[in-house]
Structures are given as C-alpha cells and as structure tokens.
C-alpha cells in the first residue's frame, strides 16, 4: 500500500467514524491568526493531521508521522515539540468551571518496516508520551503506531484505550 492510499484510508476512517476534520478544511475552521499559526506549526511537525472538539469542549488532534526514516531522538523530539505547540490550541478549548478543558494529541507513527515498528514499540514509544498537567492547563501527547507490513495498530500499554480508539476497527478500515 502506498502513502497516498494509506492517507486516503486514514482520513476516510477518522473523518467518517470519529468526526475529525483534515486539511485543507482545518485551516478554515477559525479565522484567527493564533489558529493559523498553530496549524502551520503542527503541519511543520507532522505529515498530516486532523482536529475535532469532543465531550464538553476538549480539543483533540490526531497526527500522522511516517516513522521509517526517523531516528529515536527525532521521534521523541517531534513529540516534545508537539507538546509545546499544543499551548496555542488551549485558546480554543472550552472552560468548564474555573479550568479549561484539555488539549490532547494522538500521534500515530506509521511504519512500513516491521523491524523498525517493533523497535519503536519496545524502546521509543514510552519516551514519546508527554503530559503537561499544571493547575490551569492540561496538554497531552500520546504515541500510537501503525505497522503497514504487519497490518497492525497499537497504542499505549494501559488497561483502557487512551483516546477511545478501537484498534481492530482502525485495522479493518486501513487494511481490508
């Protein structure tokens, strides 16, 4: 499967099933300069991304990065840069009581090489998770993986699925 077909399947699933908006529609959601600067920053970090508001006003971003050519440090660095870039999107989260709702970024690293995907999953993925939880801000970056050759999708090693993603549904949408 080539990158264009994979991108088409990803955007189709995340748009229809989960309600994310992708480029070029993301740029037109808000007309403010902060929004355009935030979108430009995110576009510089990842290959493509989607945006939605969920629940009671939290901002959710889903980002896709082709990870075959990345070093371990580059993958960790991209996630750290992303955490810093999430501060711009806090302005668009709703306030609930005295606290703003969180800004959550789910970063899907896409691998066509199973060895590189396994290495990422076992050694790098835990270092790509970042959470900034201050009194009035809550920004989170959670790494996920897509192994194209093995046709698998995985997330964090937790009891519940972070982000509410059903990996078997994503696998079916991408690889069937």
Protein backbone atom coordinates (compact mmCIF):
# COMPACT_ATOMS: atom_id res chain seq x y z
CA UNK A 1 0.00 0.00 0.00
CA UNK A 2 1.49 3.36 -0.97
CA UNK A 3 1.43 6.51 1.17
CA UNK A 4 -1.36 8.22 -0.80
CA UNK A 5 -3.74 5.27 -0.49
CA UNK A 6 -2.92 4.92 3.21
CA UNK A 7 -3.56 8.63 3.80
CA UNK A 8 -6.88 8.34 1.98
CA UNK A 9 -7.97 5.39 4.13
CA UNK A 10 -6.83 7.09 7.34
CA UNK A 11 -8.63 10.36 6.63
CA UNK A 12 -11.73 8.48 5.50
CA UNK A 13 -11.90 6.48 8.76
CA UNK A 14 -11.10 9.33 11.12
CA UNK A 15 -13.48 11.73 9.32
CA UNK A 16 -16.48 9.42 8.94
CA UNK A 17 -16.18 7.32 12.08
CA UNK A 18 -14.66 9.75 14.60
CA UNK A 19 -15.51 13.20 13.21
CA UNK A 20 -12.03 14.66 12.66
CA UNK A 21 -11.51 17.42 10.09
CA UNK A 22 -8.38 17.25 7.92
CA UNK A 23 -6.54 19.68 5.63
CA UNK A 24 -7.49 21.83 3.79
CA UNK A 25 -10.63 22.19 5.94
CA UNK A 26 -8.69 22.50 9.22
CA UNK A 27 -7.17 25.81 8.18
CA UNK A 28 -10.62 27.35 7.67
CA UNK A 29 -12.24 26.38 10.99
CA UNK A 30 -11.17 29.59 12.74
CA UNK A 31 -10.13 32.87 11.14
CA UNK A 32 -7.84 34.00 13.97
CA UNK A 33 -4.09 34.41 13.49
CA UNK A 34 -3.37 32.18 16.52
CA UNK A 35 -5.24 29.34 14.85
CA UNK A 36 -3.37 29.75 11.56
CA UNK A 37 -0.03 29.92 13.41
CA UNK A 38 -0.91 26.77 15.38
CA UNK A 39 -1.92 24.89 12.25
CA UNK A 40 1.29 25.96 10.50
CA UNK A 41 3.36 24.79 13.48
CA UNK A 42 1.62 21.40 13.59
CA UNK A 43 1.98 20.99 9.81
CA UNK A 44 5.73 21.50 10.23
CA UNK A 45 5.95 18.69 12.79
CA UNK A 46 3.80 16.00 11.18
CA UNK A 47 2.86 14.76 7.71
CA UNK A 48 -0.89 15.41 8.14
CA UNK A 49 -3.33 15.87 11.00
CA UNK A 50 -6.97 16.13 11.99
CA UNK A 51 -8.86 18.24 14.52
CA UNK A 52 -12.09 17.97 16.48
CA UNK A 53 -13.66 19.16 19.69
CA UNK A 54 -15.14 16.45 21.86
CA UNK A 55 -17.02 15.93 25.07
CA UNK A 56 -17.53 19.18 26.90
CA UNK A 57 -15.11 21.21 24.81
CA UNK A 58 -11.76 19.45 24.87
CA UNK A 59 -9.60 19.80 21.77
CA UNK A 60 -8.40 16.59 20.12
CA UNK A 61 -5.72 16.40 17.46
CA UNK A 62 -4.77 13.26 15.59
CA UNK A 63 -1.40 13.42 13.85
CA UNK A 64 0.32 11.06 11.45
CA UNK A 65 4.08 10.83 11.01
CA UNK A 66 5.89 8.41 8.71
CA UNK A 67 8.47 6.99 11.08
CA UNK A 68 10.64 4.73 8.92
CA UNK A 69 13.29 7.40 8.35
CA UNK A 70 13.21 8.88 11.87
CA UNK A 71 15.85 8.23 14.48
CA UNK A 72 14.72 7.51 18.02
CA UNK A 73 15.73 11.01 19.12
CA UNK A 74 13.85 12.61 16.22
CA UNK A 75 10.63 10.79 17.13
CA UNK A 76 10.93 11.84 20.78
CA UNK A 77 11.82 15.38 19.72
CA UNK A 78 8.79 15.67 17.43
CA UNK A 79 6.51 14.67 20.30
CA UNK A 80 8.18 17.18 22.63
CA UNK A 81 7.83 19.96 20.03
CA UNK A 82 4.22 18.97 19.64
CA UNK A 83 3.61 19.34 23.38
CA UNK A 84 4.92 22.90 23.19
CA UNK A 85 2.76 23.62 20.13
CA UNK A 86 -0.41 22.49 21.93
CA UNK A 87 -0.38 25.67 24.04
CA UNK A 88 -1.76 27.62 21.06
CA UNK A 89 -4.78 25.31 20.83
CA UNK A 90 -5.70 25.82 24.52
CA UNK A 91 -7.35 29.06 23.49
CA UNK A 92 -9.93 27.03 21.54
CA UNK A 93 -10.80 24.64 24.39
CA UNK A 94 -13.90 25.48 26.41
CA UNK A 95 -13.81 26.50 30.02
CA UNK A 96 -15.58 24.18 32.46
CA UNK A 97 -15.82 25.80 35.86
CA UNK A 98 -12.51 27.51 36.57
CA UNK A 99 -10.44 25.19 34.38
CA UNK A 100 -10.00 24.89 30.62
CA UNK A 101 -10.64 21.51 29.05
CA UNK A 102 -7.58 19.53 27.92
CA UNK A 103 -5.83 19.56 24.56
CA UNK A 104 -4.97 16.00 23.56
CA UNK A 105 -2.76 14.96 20.65
CA UNK A 106 -2.72 11.37 19.48
CA UNK A 107 0.37 10.82 17.33
CA UNK A 108 0.28 7.82 15.01
CA UNK A 109 3.73 6.80 13.78
CA UNK A 110 3.39 4.89 10.50
CA UNK A 111 5.96 2.20 9.69
CA UNK A 112 6.29 0.10 6.56
CA UNK A 113 9.16 -1.87 8.11
CA UNK A 114 8.10 -4.28 10.88
CA UNK A 115 11.55 -4.31 12.49
CA UNK A 116 11.51 -0.52 12.85
CA UNK A 117 7.93 -0.68 14.17
CA UNK A 118 8.87 -3.30 16.76
CA UNK A 119 11.88 -1.25 17.85
CA UNK A 120 9.68 1.83 18.23
CA UNK A 121 7.07 -0.07 20.20
CA UNK A 122 9.50 -1.67 22.63
CA UNK A 123 12.03 1.11 23.24
CA UNK A 124 10.88 4.53 21.98
CA UNK A 125 7.11 4.73 22.41
CA UNK A 126 7.15 5.21 26.18
CA UNK A 127 9.57 8.15 25.80
CA UNK A 128 7.24 9.86 23.31
CA UNK A 129 4.42 10.24 25.85
CA UNK A 130 4.29 13.72 27.35
CA UNK A 131 1.78 15.27 29.74
CA UNK A 132 1.82 18.85 30.96
CA UNK A 133 -0.58 18.99 33.85
CA UNK A 134 -0.45 22.30 35.61
CA UNK A 135 -3.15 23.87 37.71
CA UNK A 136 -4.89 25.55 34.79
CA UNK A 137 -3.59 23.65 31.78
CA UNK A 138 -3.70 20.07 30.67
CA UNK A 139 -1.91 19.15 27.46
CA UNK A 140 -1.18 15.57 26.49
CA UNK A 141 0.74 13.81 23.71
CA UNK A 142 0.11 10.07 23.33
CA UNK A 143 2.03 7.98 20.77
CA UNK A 144 0.47 5.18 18.77
CA UNK A 145 1.81 3.01 15.97
CA UNK A 146 0.69 1.65 12.63
CA UNK A 147 2.70 -1.21 11.12
CA UNK A 148 1.68 -1.39 7.47
CA UNK A 149 3.54 -4.62 6.64
CA UNK A 150 2.11 -6.49 9.65
CA UNK A 151 -1.28 -4.76 9.26
CA UNK A 152 -1.50 -3.83 12.92
CA UNK A 153 -2.28 -0.80 15.05
CA UNK A 154 -1.22 -0.41 18.67
CA UNK A 155 -1.36 2.15 21.43
CA UNK A 156 -0.17 2.66 24.98
CA UNK A 157 0.21 -0.29 27.31
CA UNK A 158 -2.68 0.59 29.62
CA UNK A 159 -5.78 -1.12 30.95
CA UNK A 160 -8.09 1.09 28.88
CA UNK A 161 -7.64 2.51 25.41
CA UNK A 162 -6.32 6.08 25.55
CA UNK A 163 -8.33 8.22 23.17
CA UNK A 164 -11.10 5.63 22.96
CA UNK A 165 -9.65 4.14 19.78
CA UNK A 166 -10.69 0.66 18.83
CA UNK A 167 -7.58 -0.74 17.22
CA UNK A 168 -9.39 -3.59 15.49
CA UNK A 169 -11.73 -1.09 13.78
CA UNK A 170 -8.79 1.04 12.62
CA UNK A 171 -7.02 -2.08 11.31
CA UNK A 172 -10.15 -3.16 9.44
CA UNK A 173 -10.59 0.30 7.89
CA UNK A 174 -6.96 0.59 6.83
CA UNK A 175 -6.09 -2.92 5.70
CA UNK A 176 -9.26 -4.60 4.45
